[in-house]
Amino acid sequence: MIHDISQPVGTRTATWPGDHPFGIDWSMSRATGDPVNVAVVTMSVHTGTHIDGGHHFHDEGRRAAALPLEAYVGAATVVDAEGVDVLDLDAIRDLDLDTVERVLFRTRGQVDETRFPERFAAIAPELARALADAGLRLVGTDSPSVDPRDSKTLDAHHILHRGGVAILENLVLTEVAPGTYTLIALPLKFVEADSSPVRAVLLDETATGETLTQPLP
């Protein structure tokens, strides 16, 4: 079974306040006599579900095309933390971090991609440090950021970055039960851009018996 955990992206998709809104135009259109329809999209690379590259918050950080793809494919554990104000060490009290490679936090019961949340659960520095110290490959969240909306220091971003932990934001986990899945959330090979939107999915191999070595339906 495949769980699509990506936000829909369109002209109604909310962006971070002050960021570039999604826009679409057409360079060719069958309605005007062209043989094909060709869309032209303008958007922030942080629109919808996306990964943060190191260059997003560090001038010397890697840009999207240079990110190691291994971080974005593999076993990922979904943790139910719905309703918390902040993701702290309590969020992982039931996890054995020695057995976890990637963790995805579900903090919202519903995700409306057309409305930017006034409040969302960020990752506390002590949790970010614990996850980095444990050697995790990736941390994901259904929040727009791993740091608070008004943060100027971006502590969680920097702690995770220093620990080599990839960051995945704006997930949709409302229909996904806690447990371990196979994550695929590959960034686009943007050479100059700091980050990249992704089409993130979880493969539930226990439900179908599928593995990554078998063709997808």
C-alpha atoms as a PDB file:
ATOM      1  CA  MET A   1       0.000   0.000   0.000  1.00  0.00           C
ATOM      2  CA  ILE A   2       1.217   3.495  -0.853  1.00  0.00           C
ATOM      3  CA  HIS A   3       0.404   6.427   1.433  1.00  0.00           C
ATOM      4  CA  ASP A   4       0.724   9.793  -0.291  1.00  0.00           C
ATOM      5  CA  ILE A   5       1.920  12.122   2.484  1.00  0.00           C
ATOM      6  CA  SER A   6       2.377  15.207   0.306  1.00  0.00           C
ATOM      7  CA  GLN A   7       0.343  18.401   0.325  1.00  0.00           C
ATOM      8  CA  PRO A   8      -1.494  19.236  -2.923  1.00  0.00           C
ATOM      9  CA  VAL A   9       0.134  22.174  -4.685  1.00  0.00           C
ATOM     10  CA  GLY A  10      -1.913  24.739  -6.605  1.00  0.00           C
ATOM     11  CA  THR A  11      -3.007  28.353  -6.669  1.00  0.00           C
ATOM     12  CA  ARG A  12      -4.815  27.951  -3.340  1.00  0.00           C
ATOM     13  CA  THR A  13      -1.815  26.444  -1.537  1.00  0.00           C
ATOM     14  CA  ALA A  14      -0.744  28.554   1.427  1.00  0.00           C
ATOM     15  CA  THR A  15       2.896  29.578   1.693  1.00  0.00           C
ATOM     16  CA  TRP A  16       4.985  30.874   4.557  1.00  0.00           C
ATOM     17  CA  PRO A  17       3.846  34.475   5.209  1.00  0.00           C
ATOM     18  CA  GLY A  18       5.829  36.754   2.904  1.00  0.00           C
ATOM     19  CA  ASP A  19       7.093  33.944   0.667  1.00  0.00           C
ATOM     20  CA  HIS A  20       6.378  33.782  -3.065  1.00  0.00           C
ATOM     21  CA  PRO A  21       2.894  32.384  -3.796  1.00  0.00           C
ATOM     22  CA  PHE A  22       2.333  29.557  -6.259  1.00  0.00           C
ATOM     23  CA  GLY A  23       1.505  30.727  -9.766  1.00  0.00           C
ATOM     24  CA  ILE A  24       0.771  28.985 -13.045  1.00  0.00           C
ATOM     25  CA  ASP A  25       0.746  30.214 -16.651  1.00  0.00           C
ATOM     26  CA  TRP A  26       0.812  28.500 -20.029  1.00  0.00           C
ATOM     27  CA  SER A  27       3.532  28.935 -22.625  1.00  0.00           C
ATOM     28  CA  MET A  28       1.559  26.777 -25.051  1.00  0.00           C
ATOM     29  CA  SER A  29      -2.125  25.944 -25.101  1.00  0.00           C
ATOM     30  CA  ARG A  30      -4.232  23.713 -27.300  1.00  0.00           C
ATOM     31  CA  ALA A  31      -7.082  26.185 -26.763  1.00  0.00           C
ATOM     32  CA  THR A  32      -5.113  28.815 -28.698  1.00  0.00           C
ATOM     33  CA  GLY A  33      -4.021  26.502 -31.488  1.00  0.00           C
ATOM     34  CA  ASP A  34      -0.821  24.969 -30.119  1.00  0.00           C
ATOM     35  CA  PRO A  35      -0.402  21.196 -30.498  1.00  0.00           C
ATOM     36  CA  VAL A  36       0.258  20.733 -26.759  1.00  0.00           C
ATOM     37  CA  ASN A  37      -0.428  22.297 -23.360  1.00  0.00           C
ATOM     38  CA  VAL A  38       2.743  23.440 -21.538  1.00  0.00           C
ATOM     39  CA  ALA A  39       2.485  24.850 -18.024  1.00  0.00           C
ATOM     40  CA  VAL A  40       4.871  27.411 -16.562  1.00  0.00           C
ATOM     41  CA  VAL A  41       5.054  27.304 -12.772  1.00  0.00           C
ATOM     42  CA  THR A  42       6.431  29.925 -10.390  1.00  0.00           C
ATOM     43  CA  MET A  43       6.771  28.964  -6.753  1.00  0.00           C
ATOM     44  CA  SER A  44       8.950  28.994  -3.683  1.00  0.00           C
ATOM     45  CA  VAL A  45      10.899  25.771  -3.234  1.00  0.00           C
ATOM     46  CA  HIS A  46       9.330  25.673   0.245  1.00  0.00           C
ATOM     47  CA  THR A  47       5.800  25.380  -1.134  1.00  0.00           C
ATOM     48  CA  GLY A  48       3.892  22.389   0.209  1.00  0.00           C
ATOM     49  CA  THR A  49       5.831  19.299   1.257  1.00  0.00           C
ATOM     50  CA  HIS A  50       9.549  19.992   0.881  1.00  0.00           C
ATOM     51  CA  ILE A  51      13.030  19.283   2.125  1.00  0.00           C
ATOM     52  CA  ASP A  52      15.308  21.945   3.574  1.00  0.00           C
ATOM     53  CA  GLY A  53      18.798  21.936   2.147  1.00  0.00           C
ATOM     54  CA  GLY A  54      21.641  23.280   4.251  1.00  0.00           C
ATOM     55  CA  HIS A  55      21.931  26.401   2.088  1.00  0.00           C
ATOM     56  CA  HIS A  56      18.478  27.446   3.305  1.00  0.00           C
ATOM     57  CA  PHE A  57      19.917  28.579   6.629  1.00  0.00           C
ATOM     58  CA  HIS A  58      23.698  28.348   6.183  1.00  0.00           C
ATOM     59  CA  ASP A  59      25.624  30.094   3.393  1.00  0.00           C
ATOM     60  CA  GLU A  60      28.040  27.182   3.087  1.00  0.00           C
ATOM     61  CA  GLY A  61      25.324  24.531   3.261  1.00  0.00           C
ATOM     62  CA  ARG A  62      24.557  22.128   0.432  1.00  0.00           C
ATOM     63  CA  ARG A  63      22.057  23.090  -2.236  1.00  0.00           C
ATOM     64  CA  ALA A  64      19.327  20.719  -3.393  1.00  0.00           C
ATOM     65  CA  ALA A  65      21.261  18.948  -6.156  1.00  0.00           C
ATOM     66  CA  ALA A  66      24.155  18.146  -3.823  1.00  0.00           C
ATOM     67  CA  LEU A  67      22.115  16.505  -1.058  1.00  0.00           C
ATOM     68  CA  PRO A  68      22.798  12.791  -0.389  1.00  0.00           C
ATOM     69  CA  LEU A  69      19.780  10.905  -1.701  1.00  0.00           C
ATOM     70  CA  GLU A  70      20.200   8.053   0.793  1.00  0.00           C
ATOM     71  CA  ALA A  71      18.694  10.255   3.489  1.00  0.00           C
ATOM     72  CA  TYR A  72      15.361  10.476   1.653  1.00  0.00           C
ATOM     73  CA  VAL A  73      14.759   6.782   0.922  1.00  0.00           C
ATOM     74  CA  GLY A  74      14.409   4.057   3.532  1.00  0.00           C
ATOM     75  CA  ALA A  75      12.819   2.997   6.777  1.00  0.00           C
ATOM     76  CA  ALA A  76      10.890   5.743   8.578  1.00  0.00           C
ATOM     77  CA  THR A  77       8.957   5.588  11.848  1.00  0.00           C
ATOM     78  CA  VAL A  78       5.761   7.634  12.205  1.00  0.00           C
ATOM     79  CA  VAL A  79       5.225   8.993  15.723  1.00  0.00           C
ATOM     80  CA  ASP A  80       1.832  10.233  16.908  1.00  0.00           C
ATOM     81  CA  ALA A  81       2.326  13.512  18.778  1.00  0.00           C
ATOM     82  CA  GLU A  82      -1.009  15.069  17.865  1.00  0.00           C
ATOM     83  CA  GLY A  83      -1.981  18.104  19.908  1.00  0.00           C
ATOM     84  CA  VAL A  84       1.383  18.930  21.458  1.00  0.00           C
ATOM     85  CA  ASP A  85       2.515  22.552  21.576  1.00  0.00           C
ATOM     86  CA  VAL A  86       6.169  21.636  21.149  1.00  0.00           C
ATOM     87  CA  LEU A  87       7.990  18.460  20.192  1.00  0.00           C
ATOM     88  CA  ASP A  88      10.308  17.705  23.105  1.00  0.00           C
ATOM     89  CA  LEU A  89      11.922  14.584  24.527  1.00  0.00           C
ATOM     90  CA  ASP A  90       8.515  13.227  25.547  1.00  0.00           C
ATOM     91  CA  ALA A  91       7.761  12.713  21.849  1.00  0.00           C
ATOM     92  CA  ILE A  92      10.363   9.934  21.629  1.00  0.00           C
ATOM     93  CA  ARG A  93       9.970   8.379  25.076  1.00  0.00           C
ATOM     94  CA  ASP A  94       8.613   5.151  23.517  1.00  0.00           C
ATOM     95  CA  LEU A  95      11.214   4.967  20.745  1.00  0.00           C
ATOM     96  CA  ASP A  96      14.410   2.944  20.755  1.00  0.00           C
ATOM     97  CA  LEU A  97      16.566   5.356  18.772  1.00  0.00           C
ATOM     98  CA  ASP A  98      19.115   2.621  18.184  1.00  0.00           C
ATOM     99  CA  THR A  99      16.612   0.999  15.816  1.00  0.00           C
ATOM    100  CA  VAL A 100      15.280   4.148  14.086  1.00  0.00           C
ATOM    101  CA  GLU A 101      16.791   5.677  10.945  1.00  0.00           C
ATOM    102  CA  ARG A 102      14.176   8.311  10.168  1.00  0.00           C
ATOM    103  CA  VAL A 103      11.339   9.714  12.245  1.00  0.00           C
ATOM    104  CA  LEU A 104       8.198  11.514  11.073  1.00  0.00           C
ATOM    105  CA  PHE A 105       6.115  13.442  13.619  1.00  0.00           C
ATOM    106  CA  ARG A 106       2.343  13.708  13.240  1.00  0.00           C
ATOM    107  CA  THR A 107       1.219  16.725  15.270  1.00  0.00           C
ATOM    108  CA  ARG A 108      -2.010  17.743  13.505  1.00  0.00           C
ATOM    109  CA  GLY A 109      -5.323  15.952  13.173  1.00  0.00           C
ATOM    110  CA  GLN A 110      -6.090  17.725   9.913  1.00  0.00           C
ATOM    111  CA  VAL A 111      -3.887  19.524   7.410  1.00  0.00           C
ATOM    112  CA  ASP A 112      -5.516  22.192   5.233  1.00  0.00           C
ATOM    113  CA  GLU A 113      -2.981  23.194   2.598  1.00  0.00           C
ATOM    114  CA  THR A 114      -4.958  26.349   1.811  1.00  0.00           C
ATOM    115  CA  ARG A 115      -4.466  27.869   5.269  1.00  0.00           C
ATOM    116  CA  PHE A 116      -1.136  28.601   6.910  1.00  0.00           C
ATOM    117  CA  PRO A 117      -1.408  27.446  10.546  1.00  0.00           C
ATOM    118  CA  GLU A 118      -1.283  30.237  13.105  1.00  0.00           C
ATOM    119  CA  ARG A 119       0.330  27.844  15.573  1.00  0.00           C
ATOM    120  CA  PHE A 120       2.284  24.662  15.006  1.00  0.00           C
ATOM    121  CA  ALA A 121       4.513  22.325  16.983  1.00  0.00           C
ATOM    122  CA  ALA A 122       8.216  23.011  16.456  1.00  0.00           C
ATOM    123  CA  ILE A 123      11.079  20.765  17.523  1.00  0.00           C
ATOM    124  CA  ALA A 124      12.725  21.776  20.791  1.00  0.00           C
ATOM    125  CA  PRO A 125      16.526  22.072  20.701  1.00  0.00           C
ATOM    126  CA  GLU A 126      16.947  19.219  23.197  1.00  0.00           C
ATOM    127  CA  LEU A 127      14.949  16.883  20.947  1.00  0.00           C
ATOM    128  CA  ALA A 128      16.880  17.965  17.859  1.00  0.00           C
ATOM    129  CA  ARG A 129      20.122  17.295  19.732  1.00  0.00           C
ATOM    130  CA  ALA A 130      18.963  13.847  20.868  1.00  0.00           C
ATOM    131  CA  LEU A 131      17.977  12.867  17.329  1.00  0.00           C
ATOM    132  CA  ALA A 132      21.274  14.125  15.911  1.00  0.00           C
ATOM    133  CA  ASP A 133      23.277  12.379  18.617  1.00  0.00           C
ATOM    134  CA  ALA A 134      21.441   9.135  17.834  1.00  0.00           C
ATOM    135  CA  GLY A 135      22.622   9.326  14.222  1.00  0.00           C
ATOM    136  CA  LEU A 136      19.231   9.623  12.532  1.00  0.00           C
ATOM    137  CA  ARG A 137      19.296  10.204   8.786  1.00  0.00           C
ATOM    138  CA  LEU A 138      16.126  12.319   8.572  1.00  0.00           C
ATOM    139  CA  VAL A 139      13.505  14.100  10.683  1.00  0.00           C
ATOM    140  CA  GLY A 140      10.116  14.932   9.210  1.00  0.00           C
ATOM    141  CA  THR A 141       7.123  16.851  10.504  1.00  0.00           C
ATOM    142  CA  ASP A 142       3.664  17.893   9.378  1.00  0.00           C
ATOM    143  CA  SER A 143       4.480  21.423  10.581  1.00  0.00           C
ATOM    144  CA  PRO A 144       5.691  24.108   8.145  1.00  0.00           C
ATOM    145  CA  SER A 145       9.015  24.257  10.001  1.00  0.00           C
ATOM    146  CA  VAL A 146      11.051  22.378  12.577  1.00  0.00           C
ATOM    147  CA  ASP A 147      11.558  25.744  14.326  1.00  0.00           C
ATOM    148  CA  PRO A 148       8.956  28.145  15.733  1.00  0.00           C
ATOM    149  CA  ARG A 149       7.367  30.630  13.341  1.00  0.00           C
ATOM    150  CA  ASP A 150       9.026  33.626  15.020  1.00  0.00           C
ATOM    151  CA  SER A 151      12.488  32.055  15.480  1.00  0.00           C
ATOM    152  CA  LYS A 152      15.437  34.129  14.304  1.00  0.00           C
ATOM    153  CA  THR A 153      18.128  31.666  15.370  1.00  0.00           C
ATOM    154  CA  LEU A 154      16.614  28.479  13.851  1.00  0.00           C
ATOM    155  CA  ASP A 155      18.155  26.329  16.571  1.00  0.00           C
ATOM    156  CA  ALA A 156      16.596  23.017  15.478  1.00  0.00           C
ATOM    157  CA  HIS A 157      17.634  23.568  11.849  1.00  0.00           C
ATOM    158  CA  HIS A 158      21.243  24.211  12.820  1.00  0.00           C
ATOM    159  CA  ILE A 159      21.462  21.367  15.345  1.00  0.00           C
ATOM    160  CA  LEU A 160      20.052  18.850  12.876  1.00  0.00           C
ATOM    161  CA  HIS A 161      22.272  20.174  10.097  1.00  0.00           C
ATOM    162  CA  ARG A 162      25.417  19.872  12.194  1.00  0.00           C
ATOM    163  CA  GLY A 163      24.415  16.309  13.035  1.00  0.00           C
ATOM    164  CA  GLY A 164      23.907  15.375   9.388  1.00  0.00           C
ATOM    165  CA  VAL A 165      20.140  14.954   9.775  1.00  0.00           C
ATOM    166  CA  ALA A 166      17.982  15.777   6.739  1.00  0.00           C
ATOM    167  CA  ILE A 167      14.854  17.902   7.277  1.00  0.00           C
ATOM    168  CA  LEU A 168      11.441  17.185   5.713  1.00  0.00           C
ATOM    169  CA  GLU A 169       8.528  19.583   6.382  1.00  0.00           C
ATOM    170  CA  ASN A 170       4.815  20.090   5.642  1.00  0.00           C
ATOM    171  CA  LEU A 171       3.908  16.405   5.552  1.00  0.00           C
ATOM    172  CA  VAL A 172       0.341  15.075   5.595  1.00  0.00           C
ATOM    173  CA  LEU A 173       0.181  12.214   8.090  1.00  0.00           C
ATOM    174  CA  THR A 174      -3.478  12.376   9.132  1.00  0.00           C
ATOM    175  CA  GLU A 175      -4.353   8.985   7.623  1.00  0.00           C
ATOM    176  CA  VAL A 176      -1.146   7.197   8.593  1.00  0.00           C
ATOM    177  CA  ALA A 177      -1.015   5.034  11.697  1.00  0.00           C
ATOM    178  CA  PRO A 178       2.068   5.071  13.913  1.00  0.00           C
ATOM    179  CA  GLY A 179       4.584   2.483  12.801  1.00  0.00           C
ATOM    180  CA  THR A 180       7.473   1.879  10.448  1.00  0.00           C
ATOM    181  CA  TYR A 181       7.232   2.334   6.681  1.00  0.00           C
ATOM    182  CA  THR A 182       9.502   2.875   3.711  1.00  0.00           C
ATOM    183  CA  LEU A 183       9.840   6.574   2.900  1.00  0.00           C
ATOM    184  CA  ILE A 184      10.520   7.959  -0.566  1.00  0.00           C
ATOM    185  CA  ALA A 185      10.852  11.756  -0.658  1.00  0.00           C
ATOM    186  CA  LEU A 186      13.474  12.639  -3.247  1.00  0.00           C
ATOM    187  CA  PRO A 187      14.395  16.292  -3.837  1.00  0.00           C
ATOM    188  CA  LEU A 188      14.574  17.616  -7.387  1.00  0.00           C
ATOM    189  CA  LYS A 189      18.078  18.117  -8.767  1.00  0.00           C
ATOM    190  CA  PHE A 190      18.017  21.906  -8.452  1.00  0.00           C
ATOM    191  CA  VAL A 191      21.599  23.078  -8.892  1.00  0.00           C
ATOM    192  CA  GLU A 192      21.223  26.608  -7.498  1.00  0.00           C
ATOM    193  CA  ALA A 193      18.204  26.317  -5.203  1.00  0.00           C
ATOM    194  CA  ASP A 194      18.579  25.974  -1.426  1.00  0.00           C
ATOM    195  CA  SER A 195      15.802  23.403  -1.035  1.00  0.00           C
ATOM    196  CA  SER A 196      13.246  21.446  -3.039  1.00  0.00           C
ATOM    197  CA  PRO A 197       9.592  20.409  -3.088  1.00  0.00           C
ATOM    198  CA  VAL A 198       9.060  16.645  -2.994  1.00  0.00           C
ATOM    199  CA  ARG A 199       6.333  14.098  -3.658  1.00  0.00           C
ATOM    200  CA  ALA A 200       6.641  12.164  -0.415  1.00  0.00           C
ATOM    201  CA  VAL A 201       5.153   8.692  -0.047  1.00  0.00           C
ATOM    202  CA  LEU A 202       5.241   5.903   2.507  1.00  0.00           C
ATOM    203  CA  LEU A 203       5.204   2.273   1.417  1.00  0.00           C
ATOM    204  CA  ASP A 204       3.373   0.031   3.850  1.00  0.00           C
ATOM    205  CA  GLU A 205       4.975  -3.283   3.037  1.00  0.00           C
ATOM    206  CA  THR A 206       3.195  -5.094   5.873  1.00  0.00           C
ATOM    207  CA  ALA A 207      -0.156  -4.374   4.213  1.00  0.00           C
ATOM    208  CA  THR A 208       0.727  -5.639   0.736  1.00  0.00           C
ATOM    209  CA  GLY A 209       3.860  -7.724   1.012  1.00  0.00           C
ATOM    210  CA  GLU A 210       5.566  -5.397  -1.479  1.00  0.00           C
ATOM    211  CA  THR A 211       9.234  -4.543  -1.245  1.00  0.00           C
ATOM    212  CA  LEU A 212      11.330  -1.941  -3.019  1.00  0.00           C
ATOM    213  CA  THR A 213      12.644  -4.670  -5.325  1.00  0.00           C
ATOM    214  CA  GLN A 214       9.173  -5.285  -6.742  1.00  0.00           C
ATOM    215  CA  PRO A 215       7.512  -3.005  -9.327  1.00  0.00           C
ATOM    216  CA  LEU A 216       5.034  -0.471  -7.956  1.00  0.00           C
ATOM    217  CA  PRO A 217       1.419  -0.757  -9.129  1.00  0.00           C
END
